[in-house]
């Protein structure tokens, strides 16, 4: 029997790489999106909003597997709760969630922490929702995507002088590789919290920026700034890294070369 899979965030950075992999694996794929889309390439679209709790019942109807790729800096836990409750009522047999490495290790306890690292707190809260949903589940924690690193670098490069958080390191991973792993997990049995997925190399933030500037042929002054708060201290200690799970293959340099070549 062809599995029917609902993908939330199916038009986003990760979701748009997950969807074709599931379709090519023979799945019937439905995408929940805030914006209306015509069915195309064998993909069905349902309009709804997880945070507003709109359209979710129709989206989960008949979907035995639900892959939750939608997320944001605020309200991720509430959106996940709305989805999980609807999935439970619909009798879904597998709920797959993408989280972030460090969600359980980076404390978000102050205003300074929330401003810079609130994303980790929302992800941890969403993980708890998934765990307590009553729906069999699988959660994959991944490190920062190359795409997000690029977006940050592009924005910071607009400044003549770039403030760089001192001591902060990242281990960016390829979005397509994470998408392939998620598709594999979705088609398997619920596995709970699976091993983390991280990129092949650890970089300082300054190193990521310098490589981007070099690739773009730009020069900027980088000024180190020490961030306050417990979350920043945890990140400086490497809580957002998984060096023992460096299973990704595509490097930051490879990603930049491909992206800048495509922009040329």
C-alpha atoms as a PDB file:
ATOM      1  CA  UNK A   1       0.000   0.000   0.000  1.00  0.00           C
ATOM      2  CA  UNK A   2       1.348   3.427  -0.972  1.00  0.00           C
ATOM      3  CA  UNK A   3       1.996   5.450   2.194  1.00  0.00           C
ATOM      4  CA  UNK A   4       0.362   8.866   2.418  1.00  0.00           C
ATOM      5  CA  UNK A   5       2.672  11.391   4.046  1.00  0.00           C
ATOM      6  CA  UNK A   6       1.889  14.911   5.203  1.00  0.00           C
ATOM      7  CA  UNK A   7       4.845  17.310   5.168  1.00  0.00           C
ATOM      8  CA  UNK A   8       4.530  20.565   7.078  1.00  0.00           C
ATOM      9  CA  UNK A   9       6.815  23.318   5.840  1.00  0.00           C
ATOM     10  CA  UNK A  10       7.005  21.481   2.539  1.00  0.00           C
ATOM     11  CA  UNK A  11       7.763  24.674   0.617  1.00  0.00           C
ATOM     12  CA  UNK A  12      10.562  25.791   2.956  1.00  0.00           C
ATOM     13  CA  UNK A  13      14.325  25.320   2.787  1.00  0.00           C
ATOM     14  CA  UNK A  14      14.251  21.762   4.115  1.00  0.00           C
ATOM     15  CA  UNK A  15      10.750  20.726   3.096  1.00  0.00           C
ATOM     16  CA  UNK A  16      11.205  21.423  -0.593  1.00  0.00           C
ATOM     17  CA  UNK A  17      14.093  18.959  -0.598  1.00  0.00           C
ATOM     18  CA  UNK A  18      12.223  16.351   1.437  1.00  0.00           C
ATOM     19  CA  UNK A  19       9.057  16.343  -0.709  1.00  0.00           C
ATOM     20  CA  UNK A  20      10.557  15.147  -4.023  1.00  0.00           C
ATOM     21  CA  UNK A  21      12.518  12.428  -2.236  1.00  0.00           C
ATOM     22  CA  UNK A  22       9.340  11.066  -0.688  1.00  0.00           C
ATOM     23  CA  UNK A  23       7.494  11.300  -4.000  1.00  0.00           C
ATOM     24  CA  UNK A  24      10.300   9.505  -5.821  1.00  0.00           C
ATOM     25  CA  UNK A  25      10.165   6.789  -3.151  1.00  0.00           C
ATOM     26  CA  UNK A  26       6.586   6.093  -4.228  1.00  0.00           C
ATOM     27  CA  UNK A  27       4.760   7.961  -1.473  1.00  0.00           C
ATOM     28  CA  UNK A  28       1.577   9.965  -1.882  1.00  0.00           C
ATOM     29  CA  UNK A  29       2.672  13.358  -0.581  1.00  0.00           C
ATOM     30  CA  UNK A  30       0.544  16.139   0.830  1.00  0.00           C
ATOM     31  CA  UNK A  31       2.014  19.509   1.834  1.00  0.00           C
ATOM     32  CA  UNK A  32       0.556  21.858   4.434  1.00  0.00           C
ATOM     33  CA  UNK A  33       1.293  25.474   3.495  1.00  0.00           C
ATOM     34  CA  UNK A  34       0.094  28.873   4.666  1.00  0.00           C
ATOM     35  CA  UNK A  35      -0.275  29.891   1.022  1.00  0.00           C
ATOM     36  CA  UNK A  36      -2.496  28.252  -1.570  1.00  0.00           C
ATOM     37  CA  UNK A  37      -0.799  26.143  -4.263  1.00  0.00           C
ATOM     38  CA  UNK A  38      -2.150  24.188  -7.189  1.00  0.00           C
ATOM     39  CA  UNK A  39      -1.385  20.473  -7.176  1.00  0.00           C
ATOM     40  CA  UNK A  40       1.739  19.850  -9.252  1.00  0.00           C
ATOM     41  CA  UNK A  41       4.264  17.080  -9.876  1.00  0.00           C
ATOM     42  CA  UNK A  42       2.040  14.633  -8.043  1.00  0.00           C
ATOM     43  CA  UNK A  43       2.011  16.736  -4.859  1.00  0.00           C
ATOM     44  CA  UNK A  44      -1.226  17.725  -3.112  1.00  0.00           C
ATOM     45  CA  UNK A  45      -1.340  21.025  -1.208  1.00  0.00           C
ATOM     46  CA  UNK A  46      -3.574  21.927   1.736  1.00  0.00           C
ATOM     47  CA  UNK A  47      -3.790  25.501   3.000  1.00  0.00           C
ATOM     48  CA  UNK A  48      -3.515  25.990   6.732  1.00  0.00           C
ATOM     49  CA  UNK A  49      -1.645  27.611   9.591  1.00  0.00           C
ATOM     50  CA  UNK A  50      -0.198  25.551  12.425  1.00  0.00           C
ATOM     51  CA  UNK A  51       0.197  28.456  14.825  1.00  0.00           C
ATOM     52  CA  UNK A  52      -3.372  29.666  14.250  1.00  0.00           C
ATOM     53  CA  UNK A  53      -4.641  26.068  14.338  1.00  0.00           C
ATOM     54  CA  UNK A  54      -6.293  26.446  10.947  1.00  0.00           C
ATOM     55  CA  UNK A  55      -6.619  23.751   8.268  1.00  0.00           C
ATOM     56  CA  UNK A  56      -4.783  21.110  10.277  1.00  0.00           C
ATOM     57  CA  UNK A  57      -7.621  18.592  10.514  1.00  0.00           C
ATOM     58  CA  UNK A  58      -7.972  18.461   6.735  1.00  0.00           C
ATOM     59  CA  UNK A  59      -4.212  18.191   6.343  1.00  0.00           C
ATOM     60  CA  UNK A  60      -3.759  15.202   8.678  1.00  0.00           C
ATOM     61  CA  UNK A  61      -6.852  13.343   7.444  1.00  0.00           C
ATOM     62  CA  UNK A  62      -5.728  10.025   6.001  1.00  0.00           C
ATOM     63  CA  UNK A  63      -2.020  10.746   6.483  1.00  0.00           C
ATOM     64  CA  UNK A  64      -0.499   7.815   8.331  1.00  0.00           C
ATOM     65  CA  UNK A  65       2.917   9.482   8.426  1.00  0.00           C
ATOM     66  CA  UNK A  66       3.466  13.136   9.307  1.00  0.00           C
ATOM     67  CA  UNK A  67       6.794  14.870   8.801  1.00  0.00           C
ATOM     68  CA  UNK A  68       7.012  18.145  10.701  1.00  0.00           C
ATOM     69  CA  UNK A  69       9.525  20.408   8.947  1.00  0.00           C
ATOM     70  CA  UNK A  70       7.778  23.721   9.611  1.00  0.00           C
ATOM     71  CA  UNK A  71       9.362  25.903  12.255  1.00  0.00           C
ATOM     72  CA  UNK A  72      10.237  29.400  13.300  1.00  0.00           C
ATOM     73  CA  UNK A  73      11.941  31.423  15.952  1.00  0.00           C
ATOM     74  CA  UNK A  74       8.712  31.934  17.908  1.00  0.00           C
ATOM     75  CA  UNK A  75       5.769  29.686  18.654  1.00  0.00           C
ATOM     76  CA  UNK A  76       7.292  26.456  17.383  1.00  0.00           C
ATOM     77  CA  UNK A  77       6.078  24.618  20.472  1.00  0.00           C
ATOM     78  CA  UNK A  78       2.500  25.879  20.122  1.00  0.00           C
ATOM     79  CA  UNK A  79       2.405  25.042  16.420  1.00  0.00           C
ATOM     80  CA  UNK A  80       3.773  21.576  17.139  1.00  0.00           C
ATOM     81  CA  UNK A  81       1.178  21.027  19.855  1.00  0.00           C
ATOM     82  CA  UNK A  82      -1.652  21.882  17.464  1.00  0.00           C
ATOM     83  CA  UNK A  83      -0.248  19.466  14.894  1.00  0.00           C
ATOM     84  CA  UNK A  84       0.412  16.663  17.375  1.00  0.00           C
ATOM     85  CA  UNK A  85      -3.075  16.869  18.852  1.00  0.00           C
ATOM     86  CA  UNK A  86      -4.635  16.701  15.390  1.00  0.00           C
ATOM     87  CA  UNK A  87      -2.347  13.814  14.445  1.00  0.00           C
ATOM     88  CA  UNK A  88      -3.368  11.903  17.554  1.00  0.00           C
ATOM     89  CA  UNK A  89      -7.066  12.390  16.843  1.00  0.00           C
ATOM     90  CA  UNK A  90      -6.549  11.264  13.248  1.00  0.00           C
ATOM     91  CA  UNK A  91      -4.763   8.091  14.322  1.00  0.00           C
ATOM     92  CA  UNK A  92      -1.434   8.867  12.661  1.00  0.00           C
ATOM     93  CA  UNK A  93       1.065   6.042  13.104  1.00  0.00           C
ATOM     94  CA  UNK A  94       4.335   7.969  12.796  1.00  0.00           C
ATOM     95  CA  UNK A  95       5.264  11.590  13.572  1.00  0.00           C
ATOM     96  CA  UNK A  96       8.714  12.640  12.364  1.00  0.00           C
ATOM     97  CA  UNK A  97      10.292  15.839  13.702  1.00  0.00           C
ATOM     98  CA  UNK A  98      13.410  17.783  12.754  1.00  0.00           C
ATOM     99  CA  UNK A  99      15.072  19.448  15.728  1.00  0.00           C
ATOM    100  CA  UNK A 100      18.442  21.048  16.348  1.00  0.00           C
ATOM    101  CA  UNK A 101      21.629  19.788  17.960  1.00  0.00           C
ATOM    102  CA  UNK A 102      21.924  21.418  21.374  1.00  0.00           C
ATOM    103  CA  UNK A 103      18.197  21.726  22.029  1.00  0.00           C
ATOM    104  CA  UNK A 104      18.702  19.827  25.277  1.00  0.00           C
ATOM    105  CA  UNK A 105      22.004  21.463  26.232  1.00  0.00           C
ATOM    106  CA  UNK A 106      21.567  25.187  25.667  1.00  0.00           C
ATOM    107  CA  UNK A 107      19.687  26.890  28.531  1.00  0.00           C
ATOM    108  CA  UNK A 108      17.451  29.801  27.563  1.00  0.00           C
ATOM    109  CA  UNK A 109      16.781  31.558  30.846  1.00  0.00           C
ATOM    110  CA  UNK A 110      17.285  35.294  30.355  1.00  0.00           C
ATOM    111  CA  UNK A 111      16.349  38.070  27.973  1.00  0.00           C
ATOM    112  CA  UNK A 112      19.810  38.013  26.431  1.00  0.00           C
ATOM    113  CA  UNK A 113      19.550  34.254  25.948  1.00  0.00           C
ATOM    114  CA  UNK A 114      16.128  34.492  24.300  1.00  0.00           C
ATOM    115  CA  UNK A 115      17.215  37.273  21.961  1.00  0.00           C
ATOM    116  CA  UNK A 116      20.084  35.276  20.482  1.00  0.00           C
ATOM    117  CA  UNK A 117      19.330  31.634  21.230  1.00  0.00           C
ATOM    118  CA  UNK A 118      15.586  31.400  21.838  1.00  0.00           C
ATOM    119  CA  UNK A 119      15.324  29.035  18.871  1.00  0.00           C
ATOM    120  CA  UNK A 120      16.923  26.257  20.920  1.00  0.00           C
ATOM    121  CA  UNK A 121      14.395  26.708  23.699  1.00  0.00           C
ATOM    122  CA  UNK A 122      11.460  26.525  21.297  1.00  0.00           C
ATOM    123  CA  UNK A 123      12.899  23.393  19.720  1.00  0.00           C
ATOM    124  CA  UNK A 124      13.314  21.711  23.073  1.00  0.00           C
ATOM    125  CA  UNK A 125       9.726  22.576  24.016  1.00  0.00           C
ATOM    126  CA  UNK A 126       8.509  21.184  20.682  1.00  0.00           C
ATOM    127  CA  UNK A 127      10.466  17.978  21.285  1.00  0.00           C
ATOM    128  CA  UNK A 128       8.628  17.544  24.580  1.00  0.00           C
ATOM    129  CA  UNK A 129       5.310  18.001  22.806  1.00  0.00           C
ATOM    130  CA  UNK A 130       6.244  15.299  20.290  1.00  0.00           C
ATOM    131  CA  UNK A 131       7.363  12.923  23.043  1.00  0.00           C
ATOM    132  CA  UNK A 132       4.122  13.352  24.983  1.00  0.00           C
ATOM    133  CA  UNK A 133       1.792  13.331  21.994  1.00  0.00           C
ATOM    134  CA  UNK A 134       0.837   9.668  22.201  1.00  0.00           C
ATOM    135  CA  UNK A 135       1.751   9.283  18.503  1.00  0.00           C
ATOM    136  CA  UNK A 136       4.727   7.004  17.731  1.00  0.00           C
ATOM    137  CA  UNK A 137       7.556   9.356  16.853  1.00  0.00           C
ATOM    138  CA  UNK A 138      11.047   9.896  15.507  1.00  0.00           C
ATOM    139  CA  UNK A 139      13.144  13.008  16.161  1.00  0.00           C
ATOM    140  CA  UNK A 140      16.340  13.904  14.316  1.00  0.00           C
ATOM    141  CA  UNK A 141      18.541  16.695  15.624  1.00  0.00           C
ATOM    142  CA  UNK A 142      20.718  18.353  12.989  1.00  0.00           C
ATOM    143  CA  UNK A 143      23.263  21.136  13.119  1.00  0.00           C
ATOM    144  CA  UNK A 144      22.831  24.437  11.302  1.00  0.00           C
ATOM    145  CA  UNK A 145      22.123  24.193   7.570  1.00  0.00           C
ATOM    146  CA  UNK A 146      24.555  25.668   5.042  1.00  0.00           C
ATOM    147  CA  UNK A 147      21.616  27.682   3.703  1.00  0.00           C
ATOM    148  CA  UNK A 148      21.110  29.428   7.041  1.00  0.00           C
ATOM    149  CA  UNK A 149      24.821  30.128   7.378  1.00  0.00           C
ATOM    150  CA  UNK A 150      24.712  31.716   3.925  1.00  0.00           C
ATOM    151  CA  UNK A 151      21.712  33.881   4.797  1.00  0.00           C
ATOM    152  CA  UNK A 152      23.461  35.154   7.933  1.00  0.00           C
ATOM    153  CA  UNK A 153      26.694  35.809   6.042  1.00  0.00           C
ATOM    154  CA  UNK A 154      24.872  37.703   3.282  1.00  0.00           C
ATOM    155  CA  UNK A 155      23.121  39.939   5.788  1.00  0.00           C
ATOM    156  CA  UNK A 156      26.241  40.639   7.842  1.00  0.00           C
ATOM    157  CA  UNK A 157      28.303  41.361   4.721  1.00  0.00           C
ATOM    158  CA  UNK A 158      26.094  44.391   4.088  1.00  0.00           C
ATOM    159  CA  UNK A 159      27.762  46.050   7.091  1.00  0.00           C
ATOM    160  CA  UNK A 160      31.088  47.859   6.718  1.00  0.00           C
ATOM    161  CA  UNK A 161      32.193  46.428  10.071  1.00  0.00           C
ATOM    162  CA  UNK A 162      30.879  43.015  11.117  1.00  0.00           C
ATOM    163  CA  UNK A 163      30.405  42.176  14.811  1.00  0.00           C
ATOM    164  CA  UNK A 164      31.263  38.495  15.301  1.00  0.00           C
ATOM    165  CA  UNK A 165      30.323  36.558  18.472  1.00  0.00           C
ATOM    166  CA  UNK A 166      33.627  35.546  20.014  1.00  0.00           C
ATOM    167  CA  UNK A 167      34.275  31.864  20.636  1.00  0.00           C
ATOM    168  CA  UNK A 168      31.169  30.723  18.759  1.00  0.00           C
ATOM    169  CA  UNK A 169      31.553  27.738  16.442  1.00  0.00           C
ATOM    170  CA  UNK A 170      29.235  26.003  14.004  1.00  0.00           C
ATOM    171  CA  UNK A 171      29.197  22.664  12.190  1.00  0.00           C
ATOM    172  CA  UNK A 172      27.018  23.361   9.150  1.00  0.00           C
ATOM    173  CA  UNK A 173      25.386  20.474   7.328  1.00  0.00           C
ATOM    174  CA  UNK A 174      23.944  20.127   3.848  1.00  0.00           C
ATOM    175  CA  UNK A 175      20.171  20.498   3.689  1.00  0.00           C
ATOM    176  CA  UNK A 176      19.838  17.847   1.001  1.00  0.00           C
ATOM    177  CA  UNK A 177      21.686  15.304   3.112  1.00  0.00           C
ATOM    178  CA  UNK A 178      19.371  15.984   6.062  1.00  0.00           C
ATOM    179  CA  UNK A 179      16.362  15.709   3.751  1.00  0.00           C
ATOM    180  CA  UNK A 180      17.539  12.303   2.557  1.00  0.00           C
ATOM    181  CA  UNK A 181      17.950  11.098   6.143  1.00  0.00           C
ATOM    182  CA  UNK A 182      14.488  12.361   7.111  1.00  0.00           C
ATOM    183  CA  UNK A 183      12.894  10.577   4.159  1.00  0.00           C
ATOM    184  CA  UNK A 184      14.645   7.387   5.215  1.00  0.00           C
ATOM    185  CA  UNK A 185      13.415   7.778   8.792  1.00  0.00           C
ATOM    186  CA  UNK A 186       9.850   8.534   7.710  1.00  0.00           C
ATOM    187  CA  UNK A 187       9.639   5.291   5.762  1.00  0.00           C
ATOM    188  CA  UNK A 188      10.997   3.277   8.678  1.00  0.00           C
ATOM    189  CA  UNK A 189       9.497   2.371  12.022  1.00  0.00           C
ATOM    190  CA  UNK A 190       9.200   5.049  14.737  1.00  0.00           C
ATOM    191  CA  UNK A 191      12.603   5.158  16.431  1.00  0.00           C
ATOM    192  CA  UNK A 192      12.383   7.872  19.108  1.00  0.00           C
ATOM    193  CA  UNK A 193      15.413  10.146  19.356  1.00  0.00           C
ATOM    194  CA  UNK A 194      17.883   9.007  16.688  1.00  0.00           C
ATOM    195  CA  UNK A 195      21.614   9.883  16.504  1.00  0.00           C
ATOM    196  CA  UNK A 196      22.407  13.493  15.644  1.00  0.00           C
ATOM    197  CA  UNK A 197      23.379  14.577  12.144  1.00  0.00           C
ATOM    198  CA  UNK A 198      26.162  17.127  11.762  1.00  0.00           C
ATOM    199  CA  UNK A 199      28.305  18.551   9.000  1.00  0.00           C
ATOM    200  CA  UNK A 200      31.832  17.340   8.233  1.00  0.00           C
ATOM    201  CA  UNK A 201      33.714  20.333   9.678  1.00  0.00           C
ATOM    202  CA  UNK A 202      33.594  22.658  12.684  1.00  0.00           C
ATOM    203  CA  UNK A 203      34.158  26.354  11.900  1.00  0.00           C
ATOM    204  CA  UNK A 204      34.387  29.477  13.970  1.00  0.00           C
ATOM    205  CA  UNK A 205      31.791  32.040  12.964  1.00  0.00           C
ATOM    206  CA  UNK A 206      34.622  34.315  11.894  1.00  0.00           C
ATOM    207  CA  UNK A 207      35.953  31.502   9.700  1.00  0.00           C
ATOM    208  CA  UNK A 208      32.593  30.988   8.011  1.00  0.00           C
ATOM    209  CA  UNK A 209      32.351  34.699   7.298  1.00  0.00           C
ATOM    210  CA  UNK A 210      35.899  34.976   5.977  1.00  0.00           C
ATOM    211  CA  UNK A 211      35.329  32.098   3.582  1.00  0.00           C
ATOM    212  CA  UNK A 212      32.108  33.708   2.348  1.00  0.00           C
ATOM    213  CA  UNK A 213      33.791  37.091   1.871  1.00  0.00           C
ATOM    214  CA  UNK A 214      36.687  35.462   0.027  1.00  0.00           C
ATOM    215  CA  UNK A 215      34.297  33.613  -2.278  1.00  0.00           C
ATOM    216  CA  UNK A 216      32.457  36.845  -3.029  1.00  0.00           C
ATOM    217  CA  UNK A 217      35.625  38.878  -3.433  1.00  0.00           C
ATOM    218  CA  UNK A 218      34.695  41.224  -0.588  1.00  0.00           C
ATOM    219  CA  UNK A 219      36.628  42.719   2.296  1.00  0.00           C
ATOM    220  CA  UNK A 220      35.168  43.577   5.692  1.00  0.00           C
ATOM    221  CA  UNK A 221      36.556  44.264   9.143  1.00  0.00           C
ATOM    222  CA  UNK A 222      35.495  41.591  11.636  1.00  0.00           C
ATOM    223  CA  UNK A 223      35.228  42.704  15.269  1.00  0.00           C
ATOM    224  CA  UNK A 224      34.844  40.071  18.011  1.00  0.00           C
ATOM    225  CA  UNK A 225      32.002  40.629  20.479  1.00  0.00           C
ATOM    226  CA  UNK A 226      31.513  38.536  23.616  1.00  0.00           C
ATOM    227  CA  UNK A 227      27.857  37.632  24.122  1.00  0.00           C
ATOM    228  CA  UNK A 228      26.438  37.520  27.665  1.00  0.00           C
ATOM    229  CA  UNK A 229      24.212  34.871  29.210  1.00  0.00           C
ATOM    230  CA  UNK A 230      24.186  31.167  30.011  1.00  0.00           C
ATOM    231  CA  UNK A 231      23.118  30.144  26.516  1.00  0.00           C
ATOM    232  CA  UNK A 232      26.058  31.963  24.933  1.00  0.00           C
ATOM    233  CA  UNK A 233      28.388  30.309  27.420  1.00  0.00           C
ATOM    234  CA  UNK A 234      27.003  26.889  26.487  1.00  0.00           C
ATOM    235  CA  UNK A 235      27.458  27.623  22.781  1.00  0.00           C
ATOM    236  CA  UNK A 236      31.054  28.730  23.354  1.00  0.00           C
ATOM    237  CA  UNK A 237      31.561  25.373  25.088  1.00  0.00           C
ATOM    238  CA  UNK A 238      30.315  23.581  21.966  1.00  0.00           C
ATOM    239  CA  UNK A 239      26.786  22.589  23.043  1.00  0.00           C
ATOM    240  CA  UNK A 240      25.550  23.214  19.479  1.00  0.00           C
ATOM    241  CA  UNK A 241      28.137  20.857  17.962  1.00  0.00           C
ATOM    242  CA  UNK A 242      28.257  17.105  17.398  1.00  0.00           C
ATOM    243  CA  UNK A 243      31.857  16.318  16.360  1.00  0.00           C
ATOM    244  CA  UNK A 244      31.292  12.602  16.948  1.00  0.00           C
ATOM    245  CA  UNK A 245      28.382  12.714  14.476  1.00  0.00           C
ATOM    246  CA  UNK A 246      30.148  14.463  11.587  1.00  0.00           C
ATOM    247  CA  UNK A 247      28.316  12.247   9.088  1.00  0.00           C
ATOM    248  CA  UNK A 248      27.616  14.945   6.502  1.00  0.00           C
ATOM    249  CA  UNK A 249      29.805  15.076   3.412  1.00  0.00           C
ATOM    250  CA  UNK A 250      29.298  18.437   1.710  1.00  0.00           C
ATOM    251  CA  UNK A 251      31.555  21.118   3.156  1.00  0.00           C
ATOM    252  CA  UNK A 252      30.880  24.831   3.572  1.00  0.00           C
ATOM    253  CA  UNK A 253      33.465  25.559   0.892  1.00  0.00           C
ATOM    254  CA  UNK A 254      31.810  23.141  -1.551  1.00  0.00           C
ATOM    255  CA  UNK A 255      28.412  24.657  -0.831  1.00  0.00           C
ATOM    256  CA  UNK A 256      29.678  28.185  -1.401  1.00  0.00           C
ATOM    257  CA  UNK A 257      31.416  27.236  -4.628  1.00  0.00           C
ATOM    258  CA  UNK A 258      28.227  25.659  -5.993  1.00  0.00           C
ATOM    259  CA  UNK A 259      25.949  28.464  -4.847  1.00  0.00           C
ATOM    260  CA  UNK A 260      28.130  31.304  -6.067  1.00  0.00           C
ATOM    261  CA  UNK A 261      28.694  29.535  -9.386  1.00  0.00           C
ATOM    262  CA  UNK A 262      24.916  29.198  -9.808  1.00  0.00           C
ATOM    263  CA  UNK A 263      24.503  32.921  -9.044  1.00  0.00           C
ATOM    264  CA  UNK A 264      27.057  33.930 -11.650  1.00  0.00           C
END
